[in-house]
Amino acid sequence: MTDRPNHSDHSDHKESRSLEGLRIAVCRPVKQAQSLVEGLEALGAEVVAAPVIAIADPDDGGTALREAIARLGQGDWLVVTSPNGAERAAAYAALAAGVRVAAIGPETANRAQGLGITVDLVPERSIAEGLIAEFPAPQHGHRGLVVLARAAVARTLLPNQLRKAGWEVLDVAAYQNVAVSLNAAQRQAVQACDAVVFTSSSTVSRLVAEVGVDAVPPLVASIGPATSATATELGLAVTVEAAQHTVKGLIAALQAHARSKPETATGVKASLRAAQLGGGGAG
């Protein structure tokens, strides 16, 4: 009996290797990059590590965050906007009884819970605007306190909107992003990539500072609208933006983009090269 070819198995293999042949630069800090790198590699991509930022303690060593968390009481909120913020908040102080916690994004929530912090609110949209839409109003007659534990440099939208809603807000630096320089070999490797994935505005601005706009790979994938806005402001054309603003959502968006091209990644590379020859590159 002759075995028939299993077209379903072939289709499944193509789906599981939908990024095969693509060389993708990852600019995330090394400690935070593992899940992104593993996800891309599992789909066949060749990943080029180009960490342009690192995470460091704030200039005050965490004093302001400790003092802010110590002020939280019944009905107040701690808001962590990233896994880094969750780690610093858990390390610097214990929460009083009755303090509620909001985390932006499932990765942040998982990290907080893994450190023993009970998370009460995770907005559906993993961006500041999502939290603003779902955040409760202060209790009647109680001017509640919100402590934002986040990067030293961050958008002002979240604290401003929470204050407008009636909350007292302490916007505290839980950590800071510090610049990491690429060496000559890393710069050349980035320039040879087909795509780059950006997980924050700081990774966009730092990569552009390191290699220049014209050397940024032609396929630009962004984790969300704030990151995309920074890329656009710096002169980059964003090819892919994640609908779900998480690492998993970013990988899924890249996979969907590859599926939309003939022969998956081969088609993506062909379209990118055609755009470059026609003057439609990322510059």
Foldseek 3Di string as FASTA:
>chain_A
DDDDDDVVVVVVLCLQQLQAPFEEEEQDAPVPCVVLVVLNVRNRYHYAYRHFKDKFFDPVNCPVVLVQQVPADAQAEEEELALLLLVLNLPRYDHYPRYAYEYQDPRNCVSNVVSPHDHDYYFPARDLVRCLVPPDAGDPPDQHEYEYEYEPDDDPVNVVSNVVSRHHYDDDHSIYMDTDADDPVSLVSQLPGQEYEDLDLVSLVSVCVRRNQVSHHQAYFYLADRNVVSLVVRQFDHDWYFPRNDSVSSSVRLSVVQVVAPPRNVRSSVVQVVCVVVVNGGD
